[in-house]
Amino acid sequence: MDKLLDQILKYLDTEKWYVSYGSVCEKFEIPEPDRKYVLTKLDTDGYVDISRTKTSLSIKISDFGRVFIHETGYKKEKELENQAINSIQKDKRIELFFKVTTLLLAITTAFLGYQSVHKETEIKNKTDRIENLEKQLSRVDNTLEETYFFSSKKSKDVFSLHMTGNDILTSVIDFNIVTSTGDTIFNHRFKSEDLIGYGLIDIENPTDKQRQDFILKRFYTFLDESNFQTPAIAKEEKLDDEFFDEKYFEIIKNQSDCVSFYYLLGEEYMRRITYIKSENKVVEFWSCC
């Protein structure tokens, strides 16, 4: 028994916050009937101090952690931990804001006081530092790029997604298509939450973590090859005024080399786009609903 107690204490010394007593018992494979006995041994042998709080009965292990027997106490302590973390992050953002402001004032003073080449170089260096600090303020900066034959058979276009913001749930996403010569032929900006739609409909009250994970999954599969189709309009497809744009239907269908790209936003906003050479532009020729 002493060996088991020593193993438990060594494990708890590695914890930096709180863990449930049940999880400790499961880790060391302590049978249910023996758990109360182990708790008693910890107390009577002087390994730990038993204390009671408003939220739970707890075992005080060290200054670094406790094992809470009741989940209500554990959850309460985790809430306090999260509040502390959020407060620290807020303080860091405020501190970073003042640093940026200070650097801006320094740049303004330097520009007004000196016009020499050396001072211009100094200003540029400080500007670069500000841009780096501003990037730190924008905690979300995700990019996805893929190349596909789309507007030309000879060279591939770059399809890219760029997510920016302070949080995945409130970020914005820029969807761009750029040719091999550097011309932007398509741009669509939308909210990151538009990638959720009905994706979590089977989960009642999904957590922020679940919503974030789903957004990132959709983000990194947005440009999958399965979303491309050649020809853009299949031979068996018929004109349906409710979905197709009648203006472009016949033009696209008669060009068998047209490539279409399909994507979904929100709950039911589905789109198909293609590049029409005669129009020299990307058009949305099908949408629902």
Foldseek 3Di string as FASTA:
>chain_A
DVVVVVVLLVVFVPAQEEDALVVSCVVSVPDPVCSVVVVVCCDVVVQWDWDADPQATWTDHDPRYIHTHDVRVVVVRVVVVVVVVVVVVVVVLVVLVVVLVVLVVVLVVLVVPDDDPVSVVVSVVSVVVSVVSVVVQWVDWDKDWDWDCAQDPPFTWIWMWTWIHNDLQFIKIWTWIATPVGDTQDIDIDGLLQQCACVCVVPDPDDPVVSSVSSVVCNHCQPPPVQKDFLLDDPPDDDDVVWFDPVCVVVSVVDRGWMWGWGGTHHAWIWIWGARVVVRHIDTGTTTD
